[in-house]
N, C-alpha and C. Protein backbone atom coordinates (compact mmCIF):
# COMPACT_ATOMS: atom_id res chain seq x y z
N MET A 1 129.06 -80.33 129.67
CA MET A 1 128.78 -81.62 130.68
C MET A 1 128.02 -81.15 131.46
N TYR A 2 127.79 -80.22 132.48
CA TYR A 2 126.74 -79.92 133.53
C TYR A 2 125.11 -80.26 132.86
N PRO A 3 124.99 -79.93 131.63
CA PRO A 3 123.74 -80.30 131.31
C PRO A 3 123.41 -81.69 131.17
N LYS A 4 124.29 -82.38 130.82
CA LYS A 4 124.20 -83.84 130.75
C LYS A 4 124.04 -84.48 132.19
N VAL A 5 124.77 -83.98 133.05
CA VAL A 5 124.64 -84.20 134.62
C VAL A 5 123.18 -84.08 134.90
N ILE A 6 122.89 -82.76 134.84
CA ILE A 6 121.52 -82.35 135.15
C ILE A 6 120.39 -83.38 134.64
N PHE A 7 120.71 -83.28 133.10
CA PHE A 7 119.63 -84.22 132.51
C PHE A 7 119.64 -85.79 133.08
N PHE A 8 120.65 -86.21 133.42
CA PHE A 8 120.95 -87.31 134.09
C PHE A 8 120.14 -87.65 135.32
N PHE A 9 120.41 -86.67 136.26
CA PHE A 9 119.92 -86.90 137.54
C PHE A 9 118.19 -86.42 137.53
N LEU A 10 118.12 -85.56 136.63
CA LEU A 10 116.51 -85.33 136.44
C LEU A 10 115.76 -86.46 136.00
N THR A 11 116.39 -87.30 135.06
CA THR A 11 115.87 -88.54 134.58
C THR A 11 115.66 -89.55 135.62
N LEU A 12 116.63 -89.56 136.45
CA LEU A 12 116.79 -90.81 137.53
C LEU A 12 115.69 -90.17 138.61
N PHE A 13 115.53 -89.02 139.03
CA PHE A 13 114.70 -88.56 139.95
C PHE A 13 113.40 -88.71 139.53
N ILE A 14 113.06 -88.67 138.16
CA ILE A 14 111.75 -88.79 137.55
C ILE A 14 111.08 -90.23 137.66
N ILE A 15 112.07 -91.07 137.17
CA ILE A 15 111.93 -92.62 137.20
C ILE A 15 111.46 -93.16 138.87
N SER A 16 112.58 -92.67 139.65
CA SER A 16 112.61 -92.85 140.96
C SER A 16 111.06 -92.35 141.66
N SER A 17 110.56 -91.37 140.95
CA SER A 17 109.66 -90.56 141.79
C SER A 17 108.39 -91.59 141.42
N PHE A 18 108.17 -91.85 139.95
CA PHE A 18 107.11 -92.65 139.32
C PHE A 18 107.08 -94.00 140.09
N SER A 19 108.11 -94.35 140.13
CA SER A 19 108.26 -95.95 140.95
C SER A 19 107.67 -95.94 142.24
N TRP A 20 108.03 -94.84 143.01
CA TRP A 20 107.57 -94.95 144.23
C TRP A 20 106.01 -94.63 144.59
N LEU A 21 105.55 -93.67 143.62
CA LEU A 21 104.11 -93.32 143.66
C LEU A 21 103.49 -94.77 143.21
N ALA A 22 103.83 -95.33 142.07
CA ALA A 22 103.14 -96.82 141.85
C ALA A 22 102.84 -97.67 142.88
N TYR A 23 103.94 -97.72 143.43
CA TYR A 23 104.05 -98.87 144.89
C TYR A 23 103.32 -98.34 145.89
N GLN A 24 103.11 -97.20 146.19
CA GLN A 24 102.42 -96.72 147.20
C GLN A 24 100.72 -96.82 146.62
N GLU A 25 100.48 -96.43 145.61
CA GLU A 25 99.05 -96.58 145.11
C GLU A 25 98.84 -97.96 144.96
N LYS A 26 99.64 -98.95 144.59
CA LYS A 26 99.41 -100.11 144.83
C LYS A 26 99.01 -100.73 146.21
N LYS A 27 99.77 -100.22 147.00
CA LYS A 27 99.56 -100.88 148.32
C LYS A 27 98.41 -100.02 148.92
N GLN A 28 97.89 -98.92 148.75
CA GLN A 28 96.41 -98.51 148.86
C GLN A 28 95.56 -99.22 148.55
N GLU A 29 95.43 -99.72 147.18
CA GLU A 29 94.75 -100.13 146.50
C GLU A 29 94.28 -101.55 147.06
N GLU A 30 95.15 -102.35 148.05
CA GLU A 30 94.67 -103.50 148.70
C GLU A 30 93.69 -103.20 149.71
N ILE A 31 92.58 -103.69 149.86
CA ILE A 31 91.63 -103.63 150.95
C ILE A 31 91.37 -104.66 151.94
N LYS A 32 91.92 -104.42 153.01
CA LYS A 32 91.95 -105.62 154.31
C LYS A 32 91.40 -105.10 155.29
N ASN A 33 90.49 -106.17 156.02
CA ASN A 33 89.71 -105.98 157.05
C ASN A 33 88.81 -105.01 157.07
N GLN A 34 88.20 -104.54 155.92
CA GLN A 34 87.05 -103.87 155.79
C GLN A 34 85.70 -104.46 155.40
N TRP A 35 84.69 -103.73 155.37
CA TRP A 35 83.35 -104.06 154.67
C TRP A 35 82.66 -102.70 154.69
N PHE A 36 82.11 -102.83 153.54
CA PHE A 36 81.07 -101.84 152.89
C PHE A 36 79.56 -101.97 153.01
N LEU A 37 78.88 -101.11 153.10
CA LEU A 37 77.49 -100.75 153.21
C LEU A 37 76.75 -99.81 152.29
N TYR A 38 76.27 -100.05 151.29
CA TYR A 38 75.49 -98.66 150.46
C TYR A 38 74.50 -99.42 149.48
N PHE A 39 73.53 -98.25 149.43
CA PHE A 39 72.48 -98.47 148.51
C PHE A 39 72.92 -98.61 147.10
N GLN A 40 72.42 -99.69 146.60
CA GLN A 40 72.59 -99.90 144.89
C GLN A 40 72.11 -98.70 144.06
N ASN A 41 71.17 -98.02 144.27
CA ASN A 41 70.89 -96.61 143.37
C ASN A 41 70.42 -95.56 144.55
N PRO A 42 71.47 -94.87 145.02
CA PRO A 42 70.97 -94.06 145.91
C PRO A 42 70.00 -92.74 145.59
N GLN A 43 69.83 -92.59 144.28
CA GLN A 43 69.01 -91.59 143.75
C GLN A 43 67.60 -91.88 143.71
N GLN A 44 67.41 -93.16 143.33
CA GLN A 44 66.14 -93.76 143.28
C GLN A 44 65.49 -94.11 144.58
N PRO A 45 64.06 -94.39 144.56
CA PRO A 45 63.30 -94.53 145.95
C PRO A 45 63.47 -96.20 146.18
N ASP A 46 64.12 -97.00 145.41
CA ASP A 46 64.47 -98.45 145.98
C ASP A 46 65.08 -98.61 147.05
N LEU A 47 64.89 -99.66 147.67
CA LEU A 47 65.72 -100.01 148.92
C LEU A 47 66.57 -100.90 148.97
N ASN A 48 67.02 -101.37 147.50
CA ASN A 48 68.12 -102.37 147.50
C ASN A 48 69.60 -101.92 147.96
N PHE A 49 70.20 -102.86 148.82
CA PHE A 49 71.42 -102.28 149.07
C PHE A 49 72.44 -103.44 149.08
N VAL A 50 73.92 -103.06 149.18
CA VAL A 50 75.07 -103.99 148.92
C VAL A 50 75.57 -104.04 150.15
N ILE A 51 76.44 -105.31 150.39
CA ILE A 51 77.14 -105.36 151.59
C ILE A 51 78.62 -106.04 150.99
N GLU A 52 79.74 -105.46 151.00
CA GLU A 52 80.86 -105.98 150.38
C GLU A 52 81.74 -106.45 151.44
N ASN A 53 82.39 -107.57 151.32
CA ASN A 53 83.07 -108.10 152.59
C ASN A 53 84.56 -108.31 152.22
N TYR A 54 85.17 -107.66 152.94
CA TYR A 54 86.91 -107.96 152.55
C TYR A 54 87.46 -108.27 153.88
N THR A 55 86.72 -109.11 154.99
CA THR A 55 87.33 -109.56 156.03
C THR A 55 87.42 -111.02 155.97
N ASP A 56 87.83 -111.94 157.05
CA ASP A 56 87.80 -113.28 157.30
C ASP A 56 86.55 -113.88 157.52
N ASN A 57 85.64 -112.67 158.55
CA ASN A 57 84.68 -113.29 159.07
C ASN A 57 83.59 -113.10 158.02
N LYS A 58 82.70 -114.12 158.00
CA LYS A 58 81.79 -114.14 156.54
C LYS A 58 80.28 -113.84 157.49
N ASN A 59 80.25 -113.83 158.46
CA ASN A 59 78.80 -113.69 159.24
C ASN A 59 78.31 -112.14 159.52
N PHE A 60 77.21 -112.03 158.82
CA PHE A 60 76.60 -110.70 158.85
C PHE A 60 75.17 -110.78 159.34
N LYS A 61 74.77 -109.67 159.95
CA LYS A 61 73.02 -109.46 160.22
C LYS A 61 72.73 -108.08 159.96
N TRP A 62 71.53 -108.14 159.45
CA TRP A 62 71.09 -106.89 158.81
C TRP A 62 69.69 -106.68 159.33
N LEU A 63 69.30 -105.44 159.80
CA LEU A 63 67.92 -105.26 160.44
C LEU A 63 67.33 -104.00 159.26
N LEU A 64 65.97 -104.29 159.18
CA LEU A 64 65.53 -103.26 158.50
C LEU A 64 64.27 -102.63 159.38
N LEU A 65 64.64 -101.20 159.39
CA LEU A 65 63.60 -100.26 160.31
C LEU A 65 62.75 -99.17 159.74
N LYS A 66 61.57 -99.48 160.14
CA LYS A 66 60.58 -98.10 159.47
C LYS A 66 60.40 -97.24 160.73
N ASN A 67 60.87 -95.92 160.83
CA ASN A 67 60.38 -95.12 161.49
C ASN A 67 60.52 -95.60 163.17
N GLU A 68 62.03 -96.46 163.10
CA GLU A 68 62.69 -96.91 164.26
C GLU A 68 62.00 -98.12 164.62
N GLN A 69 60.86 -98.78 163.83
CA GLN A 69 60.44 -99.90 164.16
C GLN A 69 61.11 -101.17 163.35
N LEU A 70 61.04 -102.24 163.99
CA LEU A 70 61.88 -103.39 163.18
C LEU A 70 60.64 -103.93 162.09
N VAL A 71 61.07 -103.98 160.90
CA VAL A 71 60.33 -104.81 159.94
C VAL A 71 60.82 -105.89 159.27
N LYS A 72 62.15 -106.06 159.28
CA LYS A 72 62.74 -107.39 158.93
C LYS A 72 64.26 -107.53 159.48
N LYS A 73 64.52 -108.73 159.79
CA LYS A 73 65.78 -109.13 160.20
C LYS A 73 66.13 -110.35 159.68
N GLU A 74 67.64 -110.45 159.25
CA GLU A 74 68.26 -111.34 158.56
C GLU A 74 69.58 -111.66 158.90
N ASP A 75 70.11 -112.88 159.13
CA ASP A 75 71.47 -113.45 159.04
C ASP A 75 71.74 -113.78 157.81
N MET A 76 73.25 -113.48 157.36
CA MET A 76 73.62 -113.95 155.91
C MET A 76 75.14 -114.44 155.92
N ILE A 77 75.51 -115.06 155.22
CA ILE A 77 76.94 -115.14 155.04
C ILE A 77 77.52 -114.53 153.74
N ILE A 78 78.72 -113.94 153.66
CA ILE A 78 79.01 -113.53 152.75
C ILE A 78 80.55 -113.58 152.65
N LYS A 79 81.06 -114.38 151.90
CA LYS A 79 82.64 -114.82 151.73
C LYS A 79 83.72 -113.55 151.70
N ASN A 80 84.85 -113.62 151.88
CA ASN A 80 85.86 -112.71 151.69
C ASN A 80 85.86 -112.32 150.22
N LYS A 81 85.91 -111.23 149.62
CA LYS A 81 86.16 -110.52 148.40
C LYS A 81 84.94 -110.94 147.75
N GLU A 82 83.68 -110.75 148.49
CA GLU A 82 82.39 -111.04 147.65
C GLU A 82 81.53 -110.19 148.08
N ASN A 83 80.35 -109.43 147.22
CA ASN A 83 79.46 -108.87 147.57
C ASN A 83 77.96 -109.46 147.37
N LYS A 84 76.97 -108.93 148.31
CA LYS A 84 75.80 -109.41 147.92
C LYS A 84 74.62 -108.43 148.16
N GLU A 85 74.09 -108.37 147.15
CA GLU A 85 73.03 -107.31 146.89
C GLU A 85 71.62 -107.69 147.52
N ILE A 86 70.96 -107.13 148.31
CA ILE A 86 69.51 -107.54 149.11
C ILE A 86 68.75 -106.76 148.60
N LYS A 87 67.68 -107.38 148.01
CA LYS A 87 66.55 -106.69 147.34
C LYS A 87 65.44 -106.70 148.22
N ILE A 88 64.84 -105.42 148.41
CA ILE A 88 63.74 -105.00 149.22
C ILE A 88 62.45 -104.17 148.37
N ASN A 89 61.34 -104.92 148.53
CA ASN A 89 60.33 -104.20 147.76
C ASN A 89 60.18 -102.98 148.57
N SER A 90 60.14 -101.98 147.89
CA SER A 90 59.98 -100.50 148.68
C SER A 90 58.31 -99.96 148.34
N ASN A 91 57.38 -100.62 147.87
CA ASN A 91 56.18 -100.23 147.40
C ASN A 91 55.75 -99.92 148.96
N ASN A 92 55.81 -100.75 149.98
CA ASN A 92 54.94 -100.70 151.14
C ASN A 92 55.60 -99.63 152.15
N PHE A 93 56.62 -98.77 151.95
CA PHE A 93 57.48 -98.16 152.56
C PHE A 93 57.14 -96.76 152.26
N SER A 94 57.12 -95.82 153.56
CA SER A 94 57.35 -94.24 153.61
C SER A 94 57.95 -93.88 154.72
N GLY A 95 58.41 -92.65 154.78
CA GLY A 95 58.93 -92.28 155.80
C GLY A 95 60.66 -92.67 155.74
N LYS A 96 60.99 -92.49 156.89
CA LYS A 96 62.41 -92.72 157.23
C LYS A 96 62.86 -94.31 157.24
N ILE A 97 63.63 -94.91 156.54
CA ILE A 97 63.68 -96.31 156.53
C ILE A 97 65.47 -96.40 156.75
N ILE A 98 65.73 -97.12 157.77
CA ILE A 98 66.99 -97.39 158.10
C ILE A 98 67.18 -98.97 157.93
N VAL A 99 68.62 -99.32 157.39
CA VAL A 99 69.31 -100.28 157.22
C VAL A 99 70.23 -100.41 158.12
N LYS A 100 70.43 -101.32 159.09
CA LYS A 100 71.55 -101.41 159.96
C LYS A 100 72.35 -102.77 159.59
N VAL A 101 73.34 -102.83 159.41
CA VAL A 101 74.35 -103.94 159.31
C VAL A 101 75.07 -104.38 160.44
N GLN A 102 75.33 -105.56 161.18
CA GLN A 102 76.27 -105.81 162.15
C GLN A 102 77.12 -106.73 161.77
N HIS A 103 78.60 -106.70 162.10
CA HIS A 103 79.35 -107.57 161.74
C HIS A 103 80.55 -107.60 162.40
N ASN A 104 80.98 -108.48 163.26
CA ASN A 104 82.27 -108.54 164.10
C ASN A 104 82.22 -107.48 165.00
N GLY A 105 81.00 -107.40 165.76
CA GLY A 105 80.89 -106.36 166.69
C GLY A 105 80.94 -104.83 166.32
N GLU A 106 80.79 -104.55 165.09
CA GLU A 106 80.86 -103.30 164.43
C GLU A 106 79.53 -103.23 163.66
N GLU A 107 78.90 -102.00 163.79
CA GLU A 107 77.53 -101.80 163.01
C GLU A 107 77.39 -100.53 162.15
N LYS A 108 77.14 -100.58 160.99
CA LYS A 108 77.02 -99.43 160.07
C LYS A 108 75.50 -99.40 159.76
N GLU A 109 75.09 -98.25 159.26
CA GLU A 109 73.80 -97.78 159.14
C GLU A 109 73.74 -96.65 157.99
N ILE A 110 72.54 -97.12 156.94
CA ILE A 110 72.24 -96.32 156.16
C ILE A 110 70.75 -96.06 156.16
N TYR A 111 70.37 -94.85 155.44
CA TYR A 111 68.61 -94.69 155.51
C TYR A 111 68.36 -94.01 154.35
N LYS A 112 67.25 -94.01 153.97
CA LYS A 112 66.36 -92.98 152.96
C LYS A 112 65.36 -92.67 153.50
N ILE A 113 64.76 -91.43 153.00
CA ILE A 113 63.48 -90.85 153.58
C ILE A 113 62.73 -91.01 152.23
N LEU A 114 61.72 -91.91 152.19
CA LEU A 114 60.65 -91.98 151.22
C LEU A 114 59.49 -91.44 151.28
N LYS A 115 58.70 -90.84 150.33
CA LYS A 115 57.72 -89.88 150.29
C LYS A 115 56.40 -90.88 149.96
């Protein structure tokens, strides 16, 4: 009698645990009100970078700086749940190259040091 009861409650516990974990994972998977900035190939010397937008505001501004001096500045529109790759020719660059992106009052920055 007791083994059947233990087996029943153990099975019920495992099923409910997996259900709860699946629900929590699904909830964390949803990205809301965030945006991301990263280099397309972090290990390579190219400067191509990607902006991913998961916000309702679609206006972005990015700046390219070489040794703290502004080289290029551009405004762009990226819709919600879209990403955009910005291609930059890295042949003319050396030293510390900084990419700053501004969006909705927030600023993110990535950089590479090229030789």
